[in-house]
C-alpha atoms as a PDB file:
ATOM      1  CA  MET A   1      24.201  43.132  35.309  1.00  0.00           C
ATOM      2  CA  THR A   2      26.904  42.231  37.787  1.00  0.00           C
ATOM      3  CA  PRO A   3      25.979  42.089  41.484  1.00  0.00           C
ATOM      4  CA  HIS A   4      26.492  45.166  43.647  1.00  0.00           C
ATOM      5  CA  PRO A   5      29.978  44.972  45.181  1.00  0.00           C
ATOM      6  CA  THR A   6      30.087  44.471  48.931  1.00  0.00           C
ATOM      7  CA  HIS A   7      32.671  46.212  51.116  1.00  0.00           C
ATOM      8  CA  THR A   8      34.549  42.898  51.170  1.00  0.00           C
ATOM      9  CA  ASP A   9      34.642  42.863  47.350  1.00  0.00           C
ATOM     10  CA  LEU A  10      35.736  46.500  47.261  1.00  0.00           C
ATOM     11  CA  LEU A  11      38.454  45.833  49.867  1.00  0.00           C
ATOM     12  CA  ARG A  12      39.828  42.954  47.775  1.00  0.00           C
ATOM     13  CA  ARG A  13      39.863  45.130  44.640  1.00  0.00           C
ATOM     14  CA  VAL A  14      41.559  48.017  46.477  1.00  0.00           C
ATOM     15  CA  ARG A  15      44.254  45.686  47.839  1.00  0.00           C
ATOM     16  CA  GLU A  16      44.836  44.195  44.367  1.00  0.00           C
ATOM     17  CA  ALA A  17      44.917  47.544  42.529  1.00  0.00           C
ATOM     18  CA  VAL A  18      48.308  48.715  41.320  1.00  0.00           C
ATOM     19  CA  GLY A  19      47.221  52.303  40.697  1.00  0.00           C
ATOM     20  CA  PRO A  20      44.231  54.503  39.877  1.00  0.00           C
ATOM     21  CA  ASP A  21      41.113  52.674  38.670  1.00  0.00           C
ATOM     22  CA  ARG A  22      38.031  54.577  37.459  1.00  0.00           C
ATOM     23  CA  GLU A  23      35.727  51.558  37.723  1.00  0.00           C
ATOM     24  CA  LEU A  24      36.773  51.149  41.349  1.00  0.00           C
ATOM     25  CA  ASP A  25      36.201  54.894  41.914  1.00  0.00           C
ATOM     26  CA  ARG A  26      32.699  54.480  40.451  1.00  0.00           C
ATOM     27  CA  ASP A  27      31.843  51.558  42.746  1.00  0.00           C
ATOM     28  CA  LEU A  28      33.214  53.353  45.830  1.00  0.00           C
ATOM     29  CA  PHE A  29      31.160  56.453  44.908  1.00  0.00           C
ATOM     30  CA  TRP A  30      28.006  54.319  44.476  1.00  0.00           C
ATOM     31  CA  SER A  31      28.587  52.548  47.815  1.00  0.00           C
ATOM     32  CA  PHE A  32      29.635  55.455  50.041  1.00  0.00           C
ATOM     33  CA  GLU A  33      27.874  58.463  48.512  1.00  0.00           C
ATOM     34  CA  PRO A  34      24.398  57.311  47.450  1.00  0.00           C
ATOM     35  CA  VAL A  35      22.819  60.769  47.146  1.00  0.00           C
ATOM     36  CA  GLN A  36      25.548  62.290  44.977  1.00  0.00           C
ATOM     37  CA  SER A  37      25.987  59.181  42.822  1.00  0.00           C
ATOM     38  CA  GLY A  38      22.198  58.909  42.432  1.00  0.00           C
ATOM     39  CA  ILE A  39      22.092  62.495  41.169  1.00  0.00           C
ATOM     40  CA  ALA A  40      24.906  61.734  38.709  1.00  0.00           C
ATOM     41  CA  PHE A  41      23.000  58.660  37.520  1.00  0.00           C
ATOM     42  CA  ALA A  42      19.712  60.528  37.069  1.00  0.00           C
ATOM     43  CA  ASN A  43      21.374  63.447  35.269  1.00  0.00           C
ATOM     44  CA  ALA A  44      23.037  61.110  32.777  1.00  0.00           C
ATOM     45  CA  ALA A  45      20.002  58.845  32.330  1.00  0.00           C
ATOM     46  CA  MET A  46      17.788  61.841  31.522  1.00  0.00           C
ATOM     47  CA  GLY A  47      14.227  61.580  32.668  1.00  0.00           C
ATOM     48  CA  LEU A  48      14.827  58.953  35.331  1.00  0.00           C
ATOM     49  CA  ALA A  49      12.993  60.552  38.217  1.00  0.00           C
ATOM     50  CA  ARG A  50      12.961  57.721  40.728  1.00  0.00           C
ATOM     51  CA  PRO A  51      15.112  56.994  43.737  1.00  0.00           C
ATOM     52  CA  MET A  52      17.968  54.574  43.189  1.00  0.00           C
ATOM     53  CA  ASP A  53      18.433  51.470  45.329  1.00  0.00           C
ATOM     54  CA  HIS A  54      22.119  51.610  46.250  1.00  0.00           C
ATOM     55  CA  THR A  55      22.124  48.020  47.470  1.00  0.00           C
ATOM     56  CA  GLN A  56      21.662  46.945  43.836  1.00  0.00           C
ATOM     57  CA  PRO A  57      24.136  47.061  40.953  1.00  0.00           C
ATOM     58  CA  ILE A  58      24.358  50.272  38.972  1.00  0.00           C
ATOM     59  CA  PRO A  59      22.074  49.882  35.957  1.00  0.00           C
ATOM     60  CA  GLY A  60      23.868  50.053  32.613  1.00  0.00           C
ATOM     61  CA  ALA A  61      24.052  52.575  29.797  1.00  0.00           C
ATOM     62  CA  LEU A  62      24.226  56.333  30.265  1.00  0.00           C
ATOM     63  CA  GLY A  63      23.397  56.367  33.977  1.00  0.00           C
ATOM     64  CA  ARG A  64      26.277  54.030  34.810  1.00  0.00           C
ATOM     65  CA  LEU A  65      28.644  56.137  32.710  1.00  0.00           C
ATOM     66  CA  GLY A  66      27.356  59.267  34.491  1.00  0.00           C
ATOM     67  CA  VAL A  67      28.284  57.769  37.859  1.00  0.00           C
ATOM     68  CA  GLU A  68      31.743  56.768  36.606  1.00  0.00           C
ATOM     69  CA  VAL A  69      32.465  60.191  35.091  1.00  0.00           C
ATOM     70  CA  SER A  70      31.207  62.010  38.215  1.00  0.00           C
ATOM     71  CA  ALA A  71      33.005  59.825  40.767  1.00  0.00           C
ATOM     72  CA  PRO A  72      35.815  61.569  42.645  1.00  0.00           C
ATOM     73  CA  LEU A  73      39.314  60.275  41.911  1.00  0.00           C
ATOM     74  CA  TYR A  74      39.499  58.290  45.162  1.00  0.00           C
ATOM     75  CA  THR A  75      42.102  55.814  43.887  1.00  0.00           C
ATOM     76  CA  ALA A  76      44.301  58.483  42.265  1.00  0.00           C
ATOM     77  CA  SER A  77      44.126  61.303  44.800  1.00  0.00           C
ATOM     78  CA  LEU A  78      45.094  61.181  48.445  1.00  0.00           C
ATOM     79  CA  ASP A  79      42.992  64.332  48.957  1.00  0.00           C
ATOM     80  CA  SER A  80      39.884  62.621  47.523  1.00  0.00           C
ATOM     81  CA  ALA A  81      40.457  59.441  49.548  1.00  0.00           C
ATOM     82  CA  LEU A  82      40.968  61.457  52.738  1.00  0.00           C
ATOM     83  CA  ALA A  83      37.857  63.566  52.063  1.00  0.00           C
ATOM     84  CA  LEU A  84      35.851  60.324  51.784  1.00  0.00           C
ATOM     85  CA  VAL A  85      37.261  59.006  55.071  1.00  0.00           C
ATOM     86  CA  GLU A  86      36.412  62.286  56.797  1.00  0.00           C
ATOM     87  CA  ARG A  87      32.814  62.186  55.448  1.00  0.00           C
ATOM     88  CA  VAL A  88      32.270  58.523  56.339  1.00  0.00           C
ATOM     89  CA  ARG A  89      34.167  58.558  59.667  1.00  0.00           C
ATOM     90  CA  PRO A  90      33.935  62.125  61.013  1.00  0.00           C
ATOM     91  CA  GLY A  91      36.376  62.709  63.849  1.00  0.00           C
ATOM     92  CA  GLN A  92      38.375  59.578  63.027  1.00  0.00           C
ATOM     93  CA  LYS A  93      42.125  60.050  63.453  1.00  0.00           C
ATOM     94  CA  TRP A  94      44.327  58.723  60.665  1.00  0.00           C
ATOM     95  CA  MET A  95      47.941  58.176  59.722  1.00  0.00           C
ATOM     96  CA  ILE A  96      49.530  57.319  56.377  1.00  0.00           C
ATOM     97  CA  ALA A  97      52.994  55.837  55.835  1.00  0.00           C
ATOM     98  CA  SER A  98      54.896  55.334  52.594  1.00  0.00           C
ATOM     99  CA  VAL A  99      55.771  51.822  53.797  1.00  0.00           C
ATOM    100  CA  GLY A 100      53.280  49.832  55.855  1.00  0.00           C
ATOM    101  CA  TYR A 101      54.197  48.208  59.173  1.00  0.00           C
ATOM    102  CA  ASP A 102      52.066  45.562  60.855  1.00  0.00           C
ATOM    103  CA  ALA A 103      52.789  43.240  63.775  1.00  0.00           C
ATOM    104  CA  GLY A 104      56.514  43.890  63.619  1.00  0.00           C
ATOM    105  CA  VAL A 105      56.750  43.266  59.875  1.00  0.00           C
ATOM    106  CA  TRP A 106      57.420  45.856  57.156  1.00  0.00           C
ATOM    107  CA  GLN A 107      54.985  45.501  54.266  1.00  0.00           C
ATOM    108  CA  ASP A 108      57.492  45.747  51.389  1.00  0.00           C
ATOM    109  CA  GLY A 109      56.151  47.570  48.370  1.00  0.00           C
ATOM    110  CA  LYS A 110      52.950  48.568  50.156  1.00  0.00           C
ATOM    111  CA  ALA A 111      51.912  51.885  51.633  1.00  0.00           C
ATOM    112  CA  GLY A 112      50.141  51.764  54.998  1.00  0.00           C
ATOM    113  CA  ALA A 113      47.183  53.661  56.402  1.00  0.00           C
ATOM    114  CA  TYR A 114      45.831  53.474  59.919  1.00  0.00           C
ATOM    115  CA  LEU A 115      42.537  54.678  61.419  1.00  0.00           C
ATOM    116  CA  TYR A 116      42.399  55.434  65.142  1.00  0.00           C
ATOM    117  CA  ASP A 117      39.613  56.146  67.593  1.00  0.00           C
ATOM    118  CA  PRO A 118      39.251  59.873  68.414  1.00  0.00           C
ATOM    119  CA  ILE A 119      41.495  59.426  71.473  1.00  0.00           C
ATOM    120  CA  LEU A 120      44.826  58.128  70.186  1.00  0.00           C
ATOM    121  CA  THR A 121      45.109  54.431  70.815  1.00  0.00           C
ATOM    122  CA  PRO A 122      46.742  51.676  68.810  1.00  0.00           C
ATOM    123  CA  PRO A 123      45.307  51.707  65.264  1.00  0.00           C
ATOM    124  CA  ARG A 124      41.870  50.144  65.144  1.00  0.00           C
ATOM    125  CA  TRP A 125      41.827  49.500  61.376  1.00  0.00           C
ATOM    126  CA  LYS A 126      44.761  49.106  59.003  1.00  0.00           C
ATOM    127  CA  GLY A 127      45.083  49.096  55.243  1.00  0.00           C
ATOM    128  CA  PHE A 128      47.987  48.150  53.005  1.00  0.00           C
ATOM    129  CA  ALA A 129      48.015  48.737  49.249  1.00  0.00           C
ATOM    130  CA  ALA A 130      50.137  49.911  46.326  1.00  0.00           C
ATOM    131  CA  THR A 131      49.695  53.653  46.956  1.00  0.00           C
ATOM    132  CA  PRO A 132      48.880  55.830  49.990  1.00  0.00           C
ATOM    133  CA  ALA A 133      45.407  56.662  48.590  1.00  0.00           C
ATOM    134  CA  LEU A 134      44.619  52.974  48.072  1.00  0.00           C
ATOM    135  CA  ALA A 135      45.968  52.115  51.548  1.00  0.00           C
ATOM    136  CA  LEU A 136      43.672  54.731  53.115  1.00  0.00           C
ATOM    137  CA  LEU A 137      40.693  53.309  51.195  1.00  0.00           C
ATOM    138  CA  ALA A 138      41.687  49.798  52.360  1.00  0.00           C
ATOM    139  CA  ALA A 139      41.696  50.944  56.001  1.00  0.00           C
ATOM    140  CA  LEU A 140      38.261  52.536  55.515  1.00  0.00           C
ATOM    141  CA  LEU A 141      36.867  49.386  53.905  1.00  0.00           C
ATOM    142  CA  ALA A 142      38.394  47.213  56.668  1.00  0.00           C
ATOM    143  CA  SER A 143      36.361  49.123  59.245  1.00  0.00           C
ATOM    144  CA  PRO A 144      32.756  48.033  59.860  1.00  0.00           C
ATOM    145  CA  ALA A 145      29.859  49.916  58.255  1.00  0.00           C
ATOM    146  CA  ASN A 146      28.928  51.072  61.781  1.00  0.00           C
ATOM    147  CA  PRO A 147      32.083  51.785  63.846  1.00  0.00           C
ATOM    148  CA  ASP A 148      30.191  50.932  67.034  1.00  0.00           C
ATOM    149  CA  GLU A 149      29.942  47.309  65.818  1.00  0.00           C
ATOM    150  CA  GLY A 150      33.596  46.715  66.717  1.00  0.00           C
ATOM    151  CA  GLU A 151      36.281  44.995  64.669  1.00  0.00           C
END
């Protein structure tokens, strides 16, 4: 079993992705939506009636496949990525650009996404990746687990 991916691992994978990735969708689902992914796991692993520890890797076999099949298409769909951001960071303002811009430099070949505090200020977290959906996921993963922790 491989170790459970941290947000740092997921951020690296999102930045390196060149397009949709179902394994990445599965790991994002497991990390950000423990109740729903746990239900998907239990339904596929029939008879497993115990709570799942979402700080651990997803166990193999049917349960793991159930999580992958049930995971929203975060990396393929801007709507799915945005819905995740709005669940994880309610009230967070966001902006997406087809070409990223950071510190006076255009990020050639990379889309950009920016998360703001509820009162518009300079972007607090930024993400750059191959597609707008991936860039939005990168900005989400760049933010701390608890937004009150700061940068």
